[in-house]
N, C-alpha and C. Protein backbone atom coordinates (compact mmCIF):
# COMPACT_ATOMS: atom_id res chain seq x y z
N MET A 1 127.75 109.09 132.61
CA MET A 1 127.79 109.76 133.89
C MET A 1 127.39 108.77 134.99
N LYS A 2 126.31 107.99 134.75
CA LYS A 2 125.86 107.03 135.74
C LYS A 2 126.93 105.97 136.02
N THR A 3 127.54 105.48 134.98
CA THR A 3 128.59 104.46 135.11
C THR A 3 129.75 105.01 135.92
N ARG A 4 130.10 106.23 135.64
CA ARG A 4 131.22 106.87 136.36
C ARG A 4 130.90 106.98 137.85
N ASN A 5 129.68 107.39 138.18
CA ASN A 5 129.28 107.50 139.59
C ASN A 5 129.28 106.14 140.29
N ILE A 6 128.81 105.12 139.58
CA ILE A 6 128.79 103.77 140.15
C ILE A 6 130.22 103.29 140.41
N LEU A 7 131.10 103.49 139.46
CA LEU A 7 132.50 103.07 139.62
C LEU A 7 133.18 103.84 140.75
N LEU A 8 132.91 105.12 140.86
CA LEU A 8 133.48 105.92 141.93
C LEU A 8 132.98 105.44 143.30
N THR A 9 131.70 105.16 143.39
CA THR A 9 131.12 104.66 144.64
C THR A 9 131.72 103.32 145.01
N LEU A 10 131.86 102.42 144.05
CA LEU A 10 132.46 101.11 144.28
C LEU A 10 133.90 101.26 144.75
N ALA A 11 134.65 102.13 144.11
CA ALA A 11 136.05 102.35 144.49
C ALA A 11 136.15 102.87 145.93
N LEU A 12 135.28 103.78 146.30
CA LEU A 12 135.29 104.32 147.66
C LEU A 12 134.95 103.25 148.69
N CYS A 13 134.01 102.37 148.35
CA CYS A 13 133.65 101.26 149.25
C CYS A 13 134.84 100.33 149.46
N LEU A 14 135.52 99.99 148.38
CA LEU A 14 136.68 99.10 148.48
C LEU A 14 137.80 99.74 149.28
N ILE A 15 138.00 101.03 149.11
CA ILE A 15 139.01 101.74 149.89
C ILE A 15 138.63 101.73 151.36
N GLY A 16 137.36 101.93 151.67
CA GLY A 16 136.89 101.90 153.06
C GLY A 16 137.13 100.56 153.71
N ILE A 17 136.86 99.49 152.98
CA ILE A 17 137.09 98.14 153.52
C ILE A 17 138.59 97.93 153.76
N ALA A 18 139.42 98.35 152.83
CA ALA A 18 140.87 98.20 152.97
C ALA A 18 141.39 99.00 154.17
N VAL A 19 140.87 100.20 154.36
CA VAL A 19 141.29 101.02 155.50
C VAL A 19 140.88 100.35 156.81
N PHE A 20 139.65 99.82 156.87
CA PHE A 20 139.19 99.11 158.07
C PHE A 20 140.14 97.96 158.39
N ALA A 21 140.46 97.16 157.39
CA ALA A 21 141.33 96.00 157.59
C ALA A 21 142.72 96.44 158.03
N ALA A 22 143.23 97.51 157.44
CA ALA A 22 144.58 97.97 157.77
C ALA A 22 144.64 98.57 159.17
N GLU A 23 143.58 99.23 159.61
CA GLU A 23 143.59 99.89 160.91
C GLU A 23 143.25 98.95 162.05
N ASN A 24 142.59 97.85 161.80
CA ASN A 24 142.20 96.94 162.86
C ASN A 24 143.35 95.98 163.15
N PRO A 25 143.96 96.07 164.34
CA PRO A 25 145.14 95.24 164.64
C PRO A 25 144.83 93.75 164.74
N ASN A 26 143.56 93.37 164.81
CA ASN A 26 143.21 91.95 164.86
C ASN A 26 143.34 91.27 163.51
N MET A 27 143.27 92.03 162.44
CA MET A 27 143.25 91.46 161.10
C MET A 27 144.59 90.82 160.77
N GLY A 28 144.50 89.71 160.02
CA GLY A 28 145.71 89.02 159.60
C GLY A 28 145.73 87.58 160.07
N THR A 29 146.89 86.96 159.93
CA THR A 29 147.08 85.56 160.32
C THR A 29 147.89 85.50 161.60
N TRP A 30 147.43 84.66 162.53
CA TRP A 30 148.05 84.50 163.85
C TRP A 30 148.38 83.03 164.07
N LYS A 31 149.59 82.75 164.53
CA LYS A 31 150.03 81.37 164.82
C LYS A 31 150.22 81.22 166.32
N LEU A 32 149.75 80.09 166.85
CA LEU A 32 149.86 79.80 168.27
C LEU A 32 151.32 79.67 168.68
N ASN A 33 151.71 80.34 169.75
CA ASN A 33 153.03 80.20 170.35
C ASN A 33 152.83 79.32 171.58
N GLU A 34 153.03 78.01 171.40
CA GLU A 34 152.75 77.06 172.49
C GLU A 34 153.65 77.27 173.69
N ALA A 35 154.87 77.74 173.49
CA ALA A 35 155.80 77.95 174.60
C ALA A 35 155.30 79.03 175.56
N LYS A 36 154.59 80.02 175.05
CA LYS A 36 154.09 81.11 175.88
C LYS A 36 152.65 80.88 176.35
N SER A 37 152.01 79.84 175.84
CA SER A 37 150.60 79.58 176.14
C SER A 37 150.46 78.62 177.32
N LYS A 38 149.30 78.68 177.97
CA LYS A 38 148.96 77.76 179.06
C LYS A 38 147.59 77.17 178.75
N ILE A 39 147.62 76.06 178.01
CA ILE A 39 146.38 75.41 177.59
C ILE A 39 146.28 74.07 178.30
N PRO A 40 145.25 73.89 179.14
CA PRO A 40 145.15 72.64 179.90
C PRO A 40 144.86 71.43 179.02
N ALA A 41 145.26 70.27 179.51
CA ALA A 41 144.96 69.02 178.81
C ALA A 41 143.44 68.90 178.67
N GLY A 42 143.01 68.37 177.54
CA GLY A 42 141.58 68.21 177.31
C GLY A 42 140.89 69.47 176.82
N PHE A 43 141.67 70.50 176.51
CA PHE A 43 141.14 71.77 176.02
C PHE A 43 141.57 71.89 174.57
N GLY A 44 140.67 72.14 173.66
CA GLY A 44 141.03 72.30 172.25
C GLY A 44 141.94 73.50 172.07
N LYS A 45 142.67 73.52 170.96
CA LYS A 45 143.53 74.68 170.69
C LYS A 45 143.54 75.01 169.21
N ASN A 46 143.50 76.29 168.95
CA ASN A 46 143.58 76.79 167.59
C ASN A 46 145.04 77.11 167.30
N THR A 47 145.63 76.42 166.35
CA THR A 47 147.03 76.66 166.02
C THR A 47 147.20 77.81 165.03
N THR A 48 146.17 78.04 164.21
CA THR A 48 146.19 79.16 163.27
C THR A 48 144.83 79.85 163.30
N VAL A 49 144.84 81.17 163.38
CA VAL A 49 143.62 81.98 163.37
C VAL A 49 143.81 83.07 162.32
N VAL A 50 142.81 83.20 161.44
CA VAL A 50 142.88 84.22 160.38
C VAL A 50 141.66 85.13 160.48
N TYR A 51 141.91 86.44 160.57
CA TYR A 51 140.87 87.46 160.53
C TYR A 51 141.00 88.16 159.18
N ALA A 52 139.91 88.15 158.39
CA ALA A 52 139.95 88.76 157.06
C ALA A 52 138.66 89.53 156.81
N ALA A 53 138.76 90.61 156.05
CA ALA A 53 137.58 91.37 155.68
C ALA A 53 136.71 90.53 154.77
N ALA A 54 135.40 90.61 154.99
CA ALA A 54 134.41 89.90 154.16
C ALA A 54 133.28 90.88 153.90
N GLY A 55 133.46 91.74 152.92
CA GLY A 55 132.50 92.81 152.68
C GLY A 55 132.56 93.79 153.84
N ASP A 56 131.41 94.07 154.46
CA ASP A 56 131.41 94.96 155.62
C ASP A 56 131.49 94.17 156.93
N SER A 57 131.80 92.88 156.83
CA SER A 57 131.94 92.01 158.00
C SER A 57 133.37 91.51 158.10
N VAL A 58 133.59 90.64 159.07
CA VAL A 58 134.89 90.01 159.29
C VAL A 58 134.68 88.51 159.25
N LYS A 59 135.60 87.80 158.59
CA LYS A 59 135.56 86.34 158.59
C LYS A 59 136.71 85.85 159.46
N VAL A 60 136.39 85.01 160.44
CA VAL A 60 137.40 84.42 161.31
C VAL A 60 137.43 82.92 161.03
N THR A 61 138.60 82.45 160.65
CA THR A 61 138.80 81.04 160.34
C THR A 61 139.86 80.49 161.28
N THR A 62 139.57 79.33 161.90
CA THR A 62 140.56 78.72 162.79
C THR A 62 140.85 77.30 162.33
N ASP A 63 142.08 76.89 162.56
CA ASP A 63 142.49 75.51 162.36
C ASP A 63 143.26 75.09 163.59
N GLY A 64 143.00 73.88 164.04
CA GLY A 64 143.67 73.38 165.23
C GLY A 64 143.20 71.98 165.56
N THR A 65 143.10 71.71 166.86
CA THR A 65 142.66 70.40 167.31
C THR A 65 141.57 70.55 168.37
N ASP A 66 140.68 69.56 168.42
CA ASP A 66 139.65 69.57 169.45
C ASP A 66 140.20 69.00 170.75
N LYS A 67 139.35 68.83 171.75
CA LYS A 67 139.79 68.35 173.07
C LYS A 67 140.38 66.95 173.03
N ASP A 68 140.07 66.18 171.97
CA ASP A 68 140.60 64.82 171.82
C ASP A 68 141.82 64.77 170.91
N GLY A 69 142.28 65.92 170.44
CA GLY A 69 143.45 65.97 169.57
C GLY A 69 143.14 65.76 168.09
N LYS A 70 141.88 65.71 167.74
CA LYS A 70 141.49 65.53 166.34
C LYS A 70 141.46 66.89 165.63
N PRO A 71 141.78 66.92 164.34
CA PRO A 71 141.78 68.19 163.60
C PRO A 71 140.41 68.87 163.64
N MET A 72 140.43 70.19 163.75
CA MET A 72 139.19 70.97 163.79
C MET A 72 139.38 72.24 162.96
N HIS A 73 138.36 72.59 162.21
CA HIS A 73 138.35 73.80 161.37
C HIS A 73 137.04 74.52 161.64
N THR A 74 137.11 75.80 162.04
CA THR A 74 135.88 76.57 162.27
C THR A 74 135.86 77.80 161.38
N GLU A 75 134.64 78.27 161.12
CA GLU A 75 134.46 79.52 160.37
C GLU A 75 133.33 80.32 161.00
N TRP A 76 133.56 81.63 161.08
CA TRP A 76 132.59 82.58 161.62
C TRP A 76 132.67 83.83 160.77
N THR A 77 131.54 84.37 160.37
CA THR A 77 131.50 85.64 159.65
C THR A 77 130.46 86.53 160.34
N GLY A 78 130.87 87.72 160.70
CA GLY A 78 129.96 88.65 161.38
C GLY A 78 130.66 89.97 161.64
N LYS A 79 130.12 90.70 162.59
CA LYS A 79 130.66 92.01 162.96
C LYS A 79 131.04 91.99 164.43
N PHE A 80 131.90 92.89 164.81
CA PHE A 80 132.33 93.02 166.20
C PHE A 80 131.33 93.90 166.96
N ASP A 81 130.05 93.52 166.91
CA ASP A 81 128.98 94.35 167.49
C ASP A 81 128.29 93.70 168.69
N GLY A 82 128.81 92.58 169.18
CA GLY A 82 128.22 91.91 170.33
C GLY A 82 127.03 91.03 170.01
N LYS A 83 126.66 90.93 168.74
CA LYS A 83 125.52 90.08 168.34
C LYS A 83 126.02 88.69 167.95
N ASP A 84 125.16 87.69 168.14
CA ASP A 84 125.49 86.32 167.77
C ASP A 84 125.40 86.13 166.26
N TYR A 85 126.43 85.45 165.71
CA TYR A 85 126.45 85.06 164.30
C TYR A 85 126.79 83.58 164.25
N PRO A 86 126.32 82.86 163.24
CA PRO A 86 126.56 81.42 163.17
C PRO A 86 128.05 81.06 163.16
N LEU A 87 128.36 79.97 163.84
CA LEU A 87 129.71 79.41 163.88
C LEU A 87 129.61 77.98 163.36
N THR A 88 130.50 77.60 162.45
CA THR A 88 130.49 76.24 161.94
C THR A 88 131.79 75.54 162.31
N GLY A 89 131.71 74.22 162.49
CA GLY A 89 132.90 73.40 162.72
C GLY A 89 133.24 73.14 164.17
N ASP A 90 132.54 73.75 165.11
CA ASP A 90 132.83 73.55 166.54
C ASP A 90 131.67 72.79 167.16
N PRO A 91 131.91 71.55 167.61
CA PRO A 91 130.80 70.77 168.19
C PRO A 91 130.27 71.35 169.51
N SER A 92 131.05 72.21 170.17
CA SER A 92 130.60 72.76 171.45
C SER A 92 129.87 74.09 171.31
N ALA A 93 129.81 74.64 170.08
CA ALA A 93 129.15 75.94 169.88
C ALA A 93 128.58 76.05 168.48
N ASP A 94 127.44 76.75 168.38
CA ASP A 94 126.85 76.98 167.06
C ASP A 94 126.74 78.47 166.72
N SER A 95 127.13 79.33 167.67
CA SER A 95 127.17 80.76 167.38
C SER A 95 128.27 81.41 168.22
N ARG A 96 128.69 82.59 167.74
CA ARG A 96 129.73 83.34 168.44
C ARG A 96 129.42 84.82 168.29
N SER A 97 129.78 85.57 169.31
CA SER A 97 129.70 87.02 169.23
C SER A 97 131.04 87.62 169.63
N TYR A 98 131.40 88.69 168.96
CA TYR A 98 132.57 89.48 169.31
C TYR A 98 132.10 90.89 169.62
N LYS A 99 132.67 91.48 170.65
CA LYS A 99 132.37 92.86 171.00
C LYS A 99 133.68 93.62 171.07
N GLN A 100 133.77 94.70 170.31
CA GLN A 100 134.97 95.53 170.32
C GLN A 100 134.96 96.37 171.59
N VAL A 101 135.95 96.17 172.46
CA VAL A 101 136.07 96.92 173.71
C VAL A 101 136.82 98.21 173.46
N ASN A 102 137.94 98.09 172.75
CA ASN A 102 138.72 99.24 172.31
C ASN A 102 139.50 98.81 171.08
N GLU A 103 140.39 99.63 170.60
CA GLU A 103 141.09 99.36 169.35
C GLU A 103 141.85 98.03 169.37
N ARG A 104 142.34 97.59 170.53
CA ARG A 104 143.15 96.37 170.61
C ARG A 104 142.49 95.22 171.36
N THR A 105 141.26 95.40 171.83
CA THR A 105 140.64 94.39 172.68
C THR A 105 139.26 93.98 172.18
N LEU A 106 139.04 92.66 172.15
CA LEU A 106 137.74 92.08 171.80
C LEU A 106 137.29 91.17 172.94
N GLU A 107 136.00 91.12 173.16
CA GLU A 107 135.42 90.12 174.05
C GLU A 107 134.62 89.18 173.17
N LEU A 108 134.61 87.88 173.52
CA LEU A 108 133.86 86.93 172.71
C LEU A 108 133.07 85.98 173.59
N GLU A 109 132.00 85.46 173.02
CA GLU A 109 131.19 84.42 173.65
C GLU A 109 130.82 83.38 172.60
N ASN A 110 131.00 82.12 172.95
CA ASN A 110 130.53 81.01 172.13
C ASN A 110 129.29 80.45 172.80
N LYS A 111 128.29 80.11 171.99
CA LYS A 111 127.04 79.57 172.53
C LYS A 111 126.63 78.31 171.77
N LYS A 112 125.93 77.44 172.48
CA LYS A 112 125.33 76.26 171.88
C LYS A 112 123.87 76.27 172.30
N GLY A 113 122.97 76.35 171.32
CA GLY A 113 121.55 76.40 171.63
C GLY A 113 121.18 77.59 172.50
N GLY A 114 121.89 78.70 172.34
CA GLY A 114 121.60 79.92 173.10
C GLY A 114 122.27 79.99 174.46
N LYS A 115 122.93 78.91 174.89
CA LYS A 115 123.59 78.87 176.19
C LYS A 115 125.09 79.10 176.02
N VAL A 116 125.68 79.99 176.83
CA VAL A 116 127.11 80.30 176.75
C VAL A 116 127.91 79.06 177.15
N THR A 117 128.82 78.65 176.25
CA THR A 117 129.71 77.51 176.53
C THR A 117 131.13 77.96 176.84
N SER A 118 131.51 79.13 176.35
CA SER A 118 132.82 79.69 176.67
C SER A 118 132.78 81.19 176.42
N SER A 119 133.65 81.88 177.12
CA SER A 119 133.78 83.32 176.92
C SER A 119 135.25 83.69 177.07
N GLY A 120 135.61 84.80 176.46
CA GLY A 120 137.01 85.17 176.53
C GLY A 120 137.27 86.61 176.15
N ARG A 121 138.54 86.93 176.23
CA ARG A 121 139.01 88.29 175.94
C ARG A 121 140.28 88.17 175.10
N ILE A 122 140.31 88.91 174.01
CA ILE A 122 141.47 88.93 173.11
C ILE A 122 142.11 90.30 173.22
N GLU A 123 143.41 90.31 173.47
CA GLU A 123 144.13 91.58 173.59
C GLU A 123 145.34 91.54 172.66
N VAL A 124 145.39 92.48 171.71
CA VAL A 124 146.53 92.60 170.81
C VAL A 124 147.56 93.49 171.50
N ALA A 125 148.82 93.07 171.50
CA ALA A 125 149.90 93.85 172.10
C ALA A 125 150.02 95.20 171.41
N LYS A 126 150.55 96.18 172.14
CA LYS A 126 150.69 97.53 171.59
C LYS A 126 151.52 97.56 170.32
N ASP A 127 152.51 96.67 170.22
CA ASP A 127 153.35 96.66 169.02
C ASP A 127 152.69 95.89 167.87
N GLY A 128 151.53 95.24 168.13
CA GLY A 128 150.79 94.54 167.09
C GLY A 128 151.39 93.21 166.67
N LYS A 129 152.43 92.76 167.35
CA LYS A 129 153.12 91.53 166.94
C LYS A 129 152.60 90.28 167.61
N SER A 130 151.80 90.43 168.66
CA SER A 130 151.26 89.26 169.35
C SER A 130 149.87 89.59 169.89
N ARG A 131 149.16 88.53 170.24
CA ARG A 131 147.84 88.69 170.84
C ARG A 131 147.66 87.58 171.85
N THR A 132 146.89 87.88 172.90
CA THR A 132 146.62 86.90 173.95
C THR A 132 145.12 86.67 174.03
N LEU A 133 144.74 85.39 174.07
CA LEU A 133 143.35 84.99 174.21
C LEU A 133 143.19 84.29 175.54
N ASP A 134 142.45 84.89 176.46
CA ASP A 134 142.11 84.27 177.74
C ASP A 134 140.68 83.76 177.63
N VAL A 135 140.49 82.46 177.85
CA VAL A 135 139.17 81.84 177.69
C VAL A 135 138.81 81.06 178.94
N THR A 136 137.55 81.17 179.31
CA THR A 136 136.96 80.33 180.35
C THR A 136 135.86 79.52 179.68
N ALA A 137 135.91 78.20 179.88
CA ALA A 137 134.92 77.32 179.25
C ALA A 137 134.42 76.31 180.27
N MET A 138 133.22 75.78 180.02
CA MET A 138 132.64 74.78 180.88
C MET A 138 132.38 73.53 180.05
N ASP A 139 132.80 72.37 180.58
CA ASP A 139 132.54 71.14 179.84
C ASP A 139 131.13 70.64 180.16
N SER A 140 130.76 69.52 179.56
CA SER A 140 129.40 69.01 179.71
C SER A 140 129.07 68.58 181.14
N SER A 141 130.10 68.32 181.96
CA SER A 141 129.84 67.93 183.36
C SER A 141 129.76 69.14 184.28
N GLY A 142 130.01 70.34 183.73
CA GLY A 142 129.94 71.56 184.53
C GLY A 142 131.28 72.02 185.06
N LYS A 143 132.35 71.29 184.75
CA LYS A 143 133.69 71.68 185.20
C LYS A 143 134.18 72.86 184.38
N THR A 144 134.77 73.85 185.05
CA THR A 144 135.26 75.06 184.40
C THR A 144 136.76 74.94 184.12
N PHE A 145 137.15 75.37 182.92
CA PHE A 145 138.54 75.37 182.51
C PHE A 145 138.94 76.79 182.15
N HIS A 146 140.23 77.10 182.35
CA HIS A 146 140.76 78.39 181.92
C HIS A 146 141.96 78.12 181.02
N SER A 147 142.04 78.86 179.93
CA SER A 147 143.12 78.71 178.97
C SER A 147 143.67 80.08 178.59
N LYS A 148 144.98 80.13 178.41
CA LYS A 148 145.63 81.36 177.94
C LYS A 148 146.46 80.98 176.73
N ALA A 149 146.05 81.48 175.57
CA ALA A 149 146.76 81.19 174.32
C ALA A 149 147.40 82.47 173.80
N VAL A 150 148.68 82.38 173.48
CA VAL A 150 149.42 83.52 172.94
C VAL A 150 149.72 83.23 171.47
N TYR A 151 149.44 84.21 170.62
CA TYR A 151 149.62 84.07 169.18
C TYR A 151 150.59 85.12 168.68
N ASP A 152 151.37 84.74 167.67
CA ASP A 152 152.30 85.66 167.01
C ASP A 152 151.75 86.00 165.63
N LYS A 153 151.86 87.26 165.27
CA LYS A 153 151.39 87.73 163.95
C LYS A 153 152.32 87.20 162.87
N GLN A 154 151.75 86.74 161.80
CA GLN A 154 152.54 86.21 160.68
C GLN A 154 152.69 87.24 159.60
């Protein structure tokens, strides 16, 4: 009886995670559409972004290039609750937070040593086939940059 209850509970948890992933339009693999994007020179770009369920959290993995054109890989695991979670692989940030605004919109902040280095807004199109990331970032000299990256769902 105990084993049966444990298995039933585990099955329900797995179903819940699958439903969360299926209902959240951010989940999946996204490829940068450079033709539709406006990314300034000297601004890093993520060419592939993957959102995947990781238990009761979300894992976001990016691959692309840094501001100098060198390959960059980042990983973040956390929740869309507005709290900071560790970010690895980005020399300009050591933590990131995502806040769910509505079903298709996220706000994010990257921080280094507790100081905001960039912030942005992600909006998934109503048809779920594309998403737009608008980011404002400040470089080490205090100059502000704005980037608009458009991604297509794979």
